[in-house]
N, C-alpha and C. Protein backbone atom coordinates (compact mmCIF):
# COMPACT_ATOMS: atom_id res chain seq x y z
N MET A 1 0.82 -1.20 0.00
CA MET A 1 0.00 0.00 0.00
C MET A 1 0.87 1.26 0.00
N LEU A 2 1.95 1.25 0.76
CA LEU A 2 2.84 2.40 0.82
C LEU A 2 3.49 2.64 -0.54
N TRP A 3 3.92 1.57 -1.21
CA TRP A 3 4.51 1.71 -2.53
C TRP A 3 3.52 2.27 -3.54
N TYR A 4 2.33 1.85 -3.41
CA TYR A 4 1.28 2.34 -4.31
C TYR A 4 1.10 3.85 -4.14
N ASN A 5 1.06 4.34 -2.90
CA ASN A 5 0.90 5.78 -2.64
C ASN A 5 2.11 6.57 -3.13
N ILE A 6 3.31 6.04 -2.90
CA ILE A 6 4.53 6.72 -3.34
C ILE A 6 4.57 6.77 -4.87
N LEU A 7 4.21 5.67 -5.50
CA LEU A 7 4.19 5.61 -6.95
C LEU A 7 3.14 6.57 -7.53
N SER A 8 1.98 6.63 -6.93
CA SER A 8 0.93 7.56 -7.37
C SER A 8 1.38 9.01 -7.22
N LEU A 9 2.03 9.31 -6.11
CA LEU A 9 2.53 10.66 -5.87
C LEU A 9 3.60 11.03 -6.91
N ALA A 10 4.49 10.10 -7.21
CA ALA A 10 5.54 10.36 -8.20
C ALA A 10 4.95 10.60 -9.59
N PHE A 11 3.99 9.79 -9.99
CA PHE A 11 3.34 9.99 -11.29
C PHE A 11 2.56 11.30 -11.34
N SER A 12 1.93 11.66 -10.25
CA SER A 12 1.20 12.93 -10.19
C SER A 12 2.15 14.10 -10.32
N ALA A 13 3.27 14.04 -9.61
CA ALA A 13 4.27 15.11 -9.69
C ALA A 13 4.83 15.21 -11.11
N LEU A 14 5.10 14.08 -11.72
CA LEU A 14 5.60 14.06 -13.09
C LEU A 14 4.58 14.65 -14.06
N ALA A 15 3.32 14.31 -13.87
CA ALA A 15 2.25 14.86 -14.72
C ALA A 15 2.15 16.37 -14.56
N ILE A 16 2.29 16.87 -13.35
CA ILE A 16 2.24 18.32 -13.11
C ILE A 16 3.41 19.01 -13.80
N ILE A 17 4.60 18.44 -13.67
CA ILE A 17 5.79 19.03 -14.30
C ILE A 17 5.63 19.05 -15.82
N ILE A 18 5.17 17.97 -16.39
CA ILE A 18 4.95 17.92 -17.84
C ILE A 18 3.89 18.93 -18.26
N SER A 19 2.84 19.07 -17.49
CA SER A 19 1.79 20.06 -17.80
C SER A 19 2.33 21.47 -17.78
N ILE A 20 3.17 21.79 -16.80
CA ILE A 20 3.76 23.13 -16.71
C ILE A 20 4.65 23.39 -17.93
N ILE A 21 5.45 22.40 -18.31
CA ILE A 21 6.33 22.56 -19.48
C ILE A 21 5.49 22.77 -20.74
N VAL A 22 4.42 22.03 -20.89
CA VAL A 22 3.54 22.17 -22.06
C VAL A 22 2.91 23.56 -22.09
N VAL A 23 2.46 24.05 -20.95
CA VAL A 23 1.84 25.39 -20.88
C VAL A 23 2.86 26.46 -21.26
N ILE A 24 4.07 26.36 -20.74
CA ILE A 24 5.12 27.34 -21.06
C ILE A 24 5.43 27.31 -22.56
N TYR A 25 5.58 26.12 -23.11
CA TYR A 25 5.87 25.98 -24.53
C TYR A 25 4.72 26.51 -25.39
N THR A 26 3.50 26.21 -25.00
CA THR A 26 2.32 26.68 -25.73
C THR A 26 2.23 28.20 -25.68
N ASN A 27 2.50 28.78 -24.53
CA ASN A 27 2.46 30.24 -24.38
C ASN A 27 3.51 30.90 -25.27
N LYS A 28 4.69 30.32 -25.32
CA LYS A 28 5.75 30.86 -26.18
C LYS A 28 5.34 30.78 -27.65
N ASN A 29 4.78 29.66 -28.05
CA ASN A 29 4.31 29.51 -29.44
C ASN A 29 3.19 30.49 -29.76
N HIS A 30 2.31 30.72 -28.79
CA HIS A 30 1.21 31.66 -28.99
C HIS A 30 1.75 33.07 -29.24
N ARG A 31 2.75 33.48 -28.47
CA ARG A 31 3.34 34.80 -28.67
C ARG A 31 3.99 34.92 -30.04
N ILE A 32 4.65 33.86 -30.47
CA ILE A 32 5.28 33.86 -31.79
C ILE A 32 4.21 33.96 -32.88
N GLU A 33 3.12 33.23 -32.73
CA GLU A 33 2.02 33.30 -33.70
C GLU A 33 1.40 34.69 -33.73
N CYS A 34 1.24 35.31 -32.57
CA CYS A 34 0.70 36.68 -32.52
C CYS A 34 1.62 37.64 -33.24
N LEU A 35 2.92 37.48 -33.05
CA LEU A 35 3.88 38.33 -33.74
C LEU A 35 3.79 38.13 -35.25
N LYS A 36 3.61 36.90 -35.69
CA LYS A 36 3.46 36.64 -37.13
C LYS A 36 2.21 37.34 -37.68
N VAL A 37 1.13 37.30 -36.92
CA VAL A 37 -0.10 37.96 -37.36
C VAL A 37 0.12 39.46 -37.47
N VAL A 38 0.77 40.04 -36.47
CA VAL A 38 1.05 41.47 -36.48
C VAL A 38 1.89 41.84 -37.69
N LEU A 39 2.92 41.06 -37.95
CA LEU A 39 3.78 41.34 -39.10
C LEU A 39 3.04 41.17 -40.42
N ASP A 40 2.16 40.19 -40.50
CA ASP A 40 1.35 40.01 -41.71
C ASP A 40 0.42 41.20 -41.94
N ILE A 41 -0.20 41.68 -40.87
CA ILE A 41 -1.08 42.85 -40.98
C ILE A 41 -0.28 44.05 -41.45
N GLU A 42 0.87 44.26 -40.85
CA GLU A 42 1.68 45.41 -41.23
C GLU A 42 2.17 45.30 -42.67
N THR A 43 2.55 44.12 -43.09
CA THR A 43 2.99 43.92 -44.48
C THR A 43 1.85 44.21 -45.45
N GLU A 44 0.67 43.72 -45.13
CA GLU A 44 -0.50 43.96 -46.00
C GLU A 44 -0.83 45.45 -46.06
N MET A 45 -0.79 46.12 -44.92
CA MET A 45 -1.08 47.56 -44.91
C MET A 45 -0.05 48.32 -45.72
N ASN A 46 1.22 47.97 -45.57
CA ASN A 46 2.27 48.66 -46.32
C ASN A 46 2.13 48.43 -47.82
N ALA A 47 1.76 47.23 -48.21
CA ALA A 47 1.57 46.94 -49.64
C ALA A 47 0.41 47.77 -50.20
N ARG A 48 -0.67 47.85 -49.45
CA ARG A 48 -1.82 48.63 -49.92
C ARG A 48 -1.51 50.12 -49.93
N LYS A 49 -0.76 50.58 -48.95
CA LYS A 49 -0.38 52.00 -48.90
C LYS A 49 0.53 52.32 -50.08
N LEU A 50 1.46 51.43 -50.39
CA LEU A 50 2.35 51.65 -51.52
C LEU A 50 1.57 51.74 -52.83
N GLU A 51 0.63 50.83 -53.02
CA GLU A 51 -0.20 50.85 -54.24
C GLU A 51 -1.03 52.14 -54.30
N PHE A 52 -1.56 52.55 -53.17
CA PHE A 52 -2.33 53.79 -53.08
C PHE A 52 -1.46 54.99 -53.44
N ASP A 53 -0.23 55.03 -52.90
CA ASP A 53 0.68 56.13 -53.20
C ASP A 53 1.09 56.15 -54.67
N LYS A 54 1.32 54.98 -55.25
CA LYS A 54 1.68 54.92 -56.67
C LYS A 54 0.54 55.44 -57.54
N THR A 55 -0.68 55.09 -57.18
CA THR A 55 -1.84 55.56 -57.94
C THR A 55 -1.99 57.06 -57.81
N SER A 56 -1.80 57.57 -56.60
CA SER A 56 -1.87 59.03 -56.39
C SER A 56 -0.85 59.74 -57.26
N LYS A 57 0.35 59.19 -57.31
CA LYS A 57 1.40 59.79 -58.13
C LYS A 57 1.02 59.78 -59.60
N GLU A 58 0.47 58.67 -60.08
CA GLU A 58 0.08 58.57 -61.49
C GLU A 58 -0.99 59.60 -61.84
N VAL A 59 -1.96 59.78 -60.96
CA VAL A 59 -3.01 60.77 -61.20
C VAL A 59 -2.41 62.16 -61.26
N CYS A 60 -1.53 62.48 -60.32
CA CYS A 60 -0.89 63.80 -60.31
C CYS A 60 -0.04 64.02 -61.56
N LEU A 61 0.73 63.02 -61.93
CA LEU A 61 1.57 63.15 -63.12
C LEU A 61 0.73 63.31 -64.39
N LEU A 62 -0.38 62.61 -64.47
CA LEU A 62 -1.25 62.73 -65.64
C LEU A 62 -1.80 64.15 -65.72
N ASN A 63 -2.19 64.71 -64.59
CA ASN A 63 -2.72 66.07 -64.59
C ASN A 63 -1.65 67.09 -64.96
N ILE A 64 -0.41 66.82 -64.60
CA ILE A 64 0.67 67.77 -64.88
C ILE A 64 1.15 67.65 -66.33
N THR A 65 1.35 66.42 -66.79
CA THR A 65 2.02 66.22 -68.08
C THR A 65 1.09 66.06 -69.27
N SER A 66 -0.19 65.88 -69.04
CA SER A 66 -1.10 65.65 -70.17
C SER A 66 -1.26 66.91 -71.01
N ASP A 67 -1.30 66.68 -72.27
CA ASP A 67 -1.55 67.75 -73.22
C ASP A 67 -3.06 68.00 -73.26
N ALA A 68 -3.46 69.24 -73.24
CA ALA A 68 -4.89 69.58 -73.21
C ALA A 68 -5.62 69.06 -74.45
N ASN A 69 -4.92 68.89 -75.56
CA ASN A 69 -5.56 68.43 -76.79
C ASN A 69 -5.54 66.91 -76.95
N GLU A 70 -4.98 66.23 -76.00
CA GLU A 70 -4.88 64.78 -76.09
C GLU A 70 -6.28 64.17 -76.14
N ASN A 71 -6.52 63.29 -77.13
CA ASN A 71 -7.85 62.72 -77.34
C ASN A 71 -8.34 61.87 -76.18
N ASN A 72 -7.49 61.04 -75.63
CA ASN A 72 -7.94 60.11 -74.61
C ASN A 72 -7.59 60.55 -73.18
N ARG A 73 -7.32 61.80 -73.00
CA ARG A 73 -6.95 62.31 -71.68
C ARG A 73 -8.07 62.08 -70.67
N ASP A 74 -9.30 62.38 -71.05
CA ASP A 74 -10.43 62.21 -70.14
C ASP A 74 -10.63 60.74 -69.77
N GLU A 75 -10.44 59.87 -70.75
CA GLU A 75 -10.56 58.44 -70.46
C GLU A 75 -9.49 57.98 -69.48
N LYS A 76 -8.26 58.47 -69.69
CA LYS A 76 -7.17 58.11 -68.78
C LYS A 76 -7.45 58.61 -67.37
N ILE A 77 -7.94 59.83 -67.29
CA ILE A 77 -8.26 60.40 -65.97
C ILE A 77 -9.35 59.59 -65.29
N GLU A 78 -10.35 59.19 -66.05
CA GLU A 78 -11.44 58.40 -65.46
C GLU A 78 -10.93 57.03 -64.99
N ILE A 79 -10.11 56.38 -65.80
CA ILE A 79 -9.57 55.07 -65.43
C ILE A 79 -8.69 55.18 -64.20
N LEU A 80 -7.79 56.16 -64.22
CA LEU A 80 -6.92 56.34 -63.05
C LEU A 80 -7.72 56.76 -61.82
N GLY A 81 -8.74 57.57 -62.03
CA GLY A 81 -9.59 57.98 -60.90
C GLY A 81 -10.29 56.79 -60.27
N ASN A 82 -10.81 55.89 -61.10
CA ASN A 82 -11.45 54.68 -60.57
C ASN A 82 -10.45 53.80 -59.84
N TYR A 83 -9.27 53.66 -60.42
CA TYR A 83 -8.23 52.85 -59.78
C TYR A 83 -7.79 53.48 -58.46
N PHE A 84 -7.68 54.79 -58.46
CA PHE A 84 -7.33 55.52 -57.24
C PHE A 84 -8.35 55.24 -56.14
N GLU A 85 -9.63 55.31 -56.47
CA GLU A 85 -10.68 55.05 -55.48
C GLU A 85 -10.62 53.62 -54.95
N THR A 86 -10.31 52.67 -55.83
CA THR A 86 -10.20 51.27 -55.42
C THR A 86 -9.03 51.07 -54.48
N THR A 87 -7.87 51.62 -54.84
CA THR A 87 -6.71 51.44 -53.97
C THR A 87 -6.89 52.17 -52.64
N LYS A 88 -7.56 53.31 -52.68
CA LYS A 88 -7.83 54.04 -51.44
C LYS A 88 -8.75 53.22 -50.54
N GLU A 89 -9.79 52.64 -51.12
CA GLU A 89 -10.71 51.82 -50.34
C GLU A 89 -10.01 50.60 -49.75
N ASN A 90 -9.16 49.95 -50.54
CA ASN A 90 -8.41 48.80 -50.04
C ASN A 90 -7.51 49.18 -48.86
N TYR A 91 -6.84 50.31 -48.99
CA TYR A 91 -5.97 50.78 -47.92
C TYR A 91 -6.78 51.12 -46.67
N PHE A 92 -7.87 51.85 -46.85
CA PHE A 92 -8.70 52.21 -45.69
C PHE A 92 -9.30 50.96 -45.03
N ASN A 93 -9.67 49.96 -45.83
CA ASN A 93 -10.19 48.72 -45.26
C ASN A 93 -9.14 48.01 -44.41
N SER A 94 -7.89 48.00 -44.87
CA SER A 94 -6.84 47.35 -44.08
C SER A 94 -6.58 48.13 -42.79
N LEU A 95 -6.62 49.45 -42.86
CA LEU A 95 -6.49 50.27 -41.64
C LEU A 95 -7.66 50.01 -40.69
N ASP A 96 -8.84 49.90 -41.25
CA ASP A 96 -10.02 49.67 -40.42
C ASP A 96 -9.94 48.32 -39.72
N ARG A 97 -9.43 47.31 -40.41
CA ARG A 97 -9.26 45.99 -39.78
C ARG A 97 -8.23 46.05 -38.65
N LEU A 98 -7.15 46.77 -38.89
CA LEU A 98 -6.15 46.95 -37.84
C LEU A 98 -6.77 47.61 -36.62
N CYS A 99 -7.53 48.68 -36.85
CA CYS A 99 -8.16 49.40 -35.75
C CYS A 99 -9.19 48.52 -35.04
N TYR A 100 -9.89 47.68 -35.77
CA TYR A 100 -10.84 46.74 -35.16
C TYR A 100 -10.09 45.79 -34.22
N CYS A 101 -8.97 45.26 -34.69
CA CYS A 101 -8.18 44.34 -33.86
C CYS A 101 -7.65 45.03 -32.60
N ILE A 102 -7.28 46.29 -32.73
CA ILE A 102 -6.82 47.04 -31.56
C ILE A 102 -7.98 47.30 -30.62
N ASP A 103 -9.12 47.70 -31.17
CA ASP A 103 -10.30 48.00 -30.35
C ASP A 103 -10.78 46.76 -29.59
N LYS A 104 -10.75 45.61 -30.22
CA LYS A 104 -11.22 44.37 -29.59
C LYS A 104 -10.13 43.67 -28.78
N LYS A 105 -8.97 44.33 -28.65
CA LYS A 105 -7.85 43.84 -27.84
C LYS A 105 -7.20 42.57 -28.40
N TYR A 106 -7.36 42.34 -29.70
CA TYR A 106 -6.63 41.25 -30.33
C TYR A 106 -5.15 41.63 -30.47
N LEU A 107 -4.91 42.92 -30.61
CA LEU A 107 -3.56 43.47 -30.69
C LEU A 107 -3.41 44.51 -29.59
N ALA A 108 -2.22 44.58 -29.01
CA ALA A 108 -1.97 45.52 -27.92
C ALA A 108 -1.88 46.94 -28.47
N ASP A 109 -2.65 47.82 -27.89
CA ASP A 109 -2.69 49.23 -28.28
C ASP A 109 -1.29 49.85 -28.26
N LYS A 110 -0.54 49.58 -27.21
CA LYS A 110 0.78 50.21 -27.04
C LYS A 110 1.76 49.84 -28.15
N ASP A 111 1.57 48.68 -28.76
CA ASP A 111 2.47 48.25 -29.82
C ASP A 111 2.25 49.03 -31.12
N TRP A 112 1.11 49.66 -31.27
CA TRP A 112 0.75 50.32 -32.53
C TRP A 112 0.62 51.83 -32.40
N ARG A 113 0.28 52.31 -31.23
CA ARG A 113 -0.02 53.73 -31.04
C ARG A 113 1.12 54.64 -31.49
N SER A 114 2.32 54.39 -31.04
CA SER A 114 3.42 55.32 -31.34
C SER A 114 3.71 55.41 -32.84
N GLU A 115 3.56 54.31 -33.54
CA GLU A 115 3.90 54.31 -34.96
C GLU A 115 2.76 54.80 -35.86
N TYR A 116 1.52 54.59 -35.45
CA TYR A 116 0.38 54.86 -36.33
C TYR A 116 -0.52 56.01 -35.88
N ARG A 117 -0.25 56.60 -34.75
CA ARG A 117 -1.11 57.67 -34.24
C ARG A 117 -1.19 58.85 -35.22
N ASN A 118 -0.04 59.37 -35.60
CA ASN A 118 -0.02 60.52 -36.51
C ASN A 118 -0.50 60.15 -37.91
N MET A 119 -0.20 58.93 -38.34
CA MET A 119 -0.63 58.48 -39.66
C MET A 119 -2.16 58.42 -39.74
N LEU A 120 -2.81 57.92 -38.68
CA LEU A 120 -4.28 57.89 -38.68
C LEU A 120 -4.85 59.31 -38.75
N ARG A 121 -4.32 60.19 -37.92
CA ARG A 121 -4.78 61.58 -37.92
C ARG A 121 -4.60 62.23 -39.29
N ASP A 122 -3.42 62.05 -39.88
CA ASP A 122 -3.13 62.66 -41.18
C ASP A 122 -4.03 62.09 -42.28
N THR A 123 -4.31 60.80 -42.22
CA THR A 123 -5.18 60.17 -43.22
C THR A 123 -6.59 60.73 -43.13
N ILE A 124 -7.10 60.86 -41.92
CA ILE A 124 -8.45 61.40 -41.73
C ILE A 124 -8.52 62.86 -42.18
N GLU A 125 -7.48 63.63 -41.89
CA GLU A 125 -7.46 65.03 -42.30
C GLU A 125 -7.32 65.17 -43.82
N ALA A 126 -6.59 64.25 -44.46
CA ALA A 126 -6.38 64.33 -45.91
C ALA A 126 -7.63 63.91 -46.70
N PHE A 127 -8.48 63.08 -46.10
CA PHE A 127 -9.67 62.58 -46.80
C PHE A 127 -10.91 62.75 -45.92
N PRO A 128 -11.29 63.99 -45.63
CA PRO A 128 -12.42 64.21 -44.70
C PRO A 128 -13.74 63.65 -45.21
N ASP A 129 -13.94 63.62 -46.52
CA ASP A 129 -15.20 63.09 -47.06
C ASP A 129 -15.36 61.59 -46.78
N ASP A 130 -14.25 60.89 -46.67
CA ASP A 130 -14.30 59.45 -46.39
C ASP A 130 -14.52 59.14 -44.91
N PHE A 131 -14.36 60.15 -44.06
CA PHE A 131 -14.47 59.93 -42.62
C PHE A 131 -15.53 60.85 -42.00
N ASN A 132 -16.59 61.11 -42.75
CA ASN A 132 -17.68 61.93 -42.23
C ASN A 132 -18.55 61.10 -41.28
N ALA A 133 -19.69 61.63 -40.88
CA ALA A 133 -20.56 60.95 -39.91
C ALA A 133 -21.07 59.61 -40.43
N ALA A 134 -21.27 59.49 -41.73
CA ALA A 134 -21.80 58.25 -42.30
C ALA A 134 -20.69 57.30 -42.77
N SER A 135 -19.48 57.53 -42.31
CA SER A 135 -18.33 56.75 -42.76
C SER A 135 -18.45 55.27 -42.42
N ALA A 136 -17.98 54.45 -43.35
CA ALA A 136 -17.94 53.00 -43.10
C ALA A 136 -16.73 52.62 -42.25
N TYR A 137 -15.84 53.56 -42.04
CA TYR A 137 -14.59 53.29 -41.32
C TYR A 137 -14.68 53.72 -39.86
N ARG A 138 -15.68 53.17 -39.17
CA ARG A 138 -15.93 53.54 -37.77
C ARG A 138 -14.76 53.18 -36.85
N ASN A 139 -14.10 52.07 -37.13
CA ASN A 139 -13.00 51.64 -36.26
C ASN A 139 -11.82 52.60 -36.35
N ILE A 140 -11.54 53.09 -37.54
CA ILE A 140 -10.46 54.08 -37.71
C ILE A 140 -10.79 55.32 -36.91
N LYS A 141 -12.02 55.80 -37.05
CA LYS A 141 -12.41 57.02 -36.33
C LYS A 141 -12.35 56.81 -34.82
N LYS A 142 -12.80 55.65 -34.37
CA LYS A 142 -12.82 55.36 -32.93
C LYS A 142 -11.41 55.32 -32.34
N ILE A 143 -10.51 54.59 -32.98
CA ILE A 143 -9.14 54.49 -32.48
C ILE A 143 -8.43 55.83 -32.60
N ASN A 144 -8.69 56.57 -33.67
CA ASN A 144 -8.08 57.89 -33.81
C ASN A 144 -8.52 58.82 -32.68
N GLU A 145 -9.81 58.83 -32.37
CA GLU A 145 -10.30 59.66 -31.27
C GLU A 145 -9.65 59.26 -29.95
N LEU A 146 -9.52 57.96 -29.72
CA LEU A 146 -8.89 57.47 -28.50
C LEU A 146 -7.42 57.89 -28.44
N TRP A 147 -6.70 57.70 -29.51
CA TRP A 147 -5.27 58.02 -29.52
C TRP A 147 -5.01 59.52 -29.47
N GLN A 148 -5.84 60.31 -30.12
CA GLN A 148 -5.61 61.75 -30.11
C GLN A 148 -5.98 62.38 -28.77
N SER A 149 -6.88 61.74 -28.03
CA SER A 149 -7.29 62.29 -26.73
C SER A 149 -6.28 61.98 -25.63
N ASN A 150 -5.43 61.00 -25.85
CA ASN A 150 -4.43 60.64 -24.82
C ASN A 150 -3.10 61.29 -25.12
């Protein structure tokens, strides 16, 4: 009977130690996965911002360099204008998803605030029509208000 109790105690202690090791390992893996998600979000946002900036540049260059008598100038402006709106919407959607994740505490506010606080404010100021009262980008507006008030 004594051996049975000692053996049970030893197996219980071993099970506890293994459980602690598994929890520590799982927690470490979870942090690494969270970091991967953060980096993926940032990569996606940067890609969309780059595309948005390239489109903005193309529209500006077309307005500067186009000859007033060019036959297809209006068509080019319309095509670039549509593409500009699409890239802008894609970029704003990625920002809105980031802000949603911050608002719902999927991502730590402190990790993003210092780098994106001014960028959010500048984006809203540059495109006021997209961030009016009926805006679809409520998460951007909410996080911006929070960050600007602190």
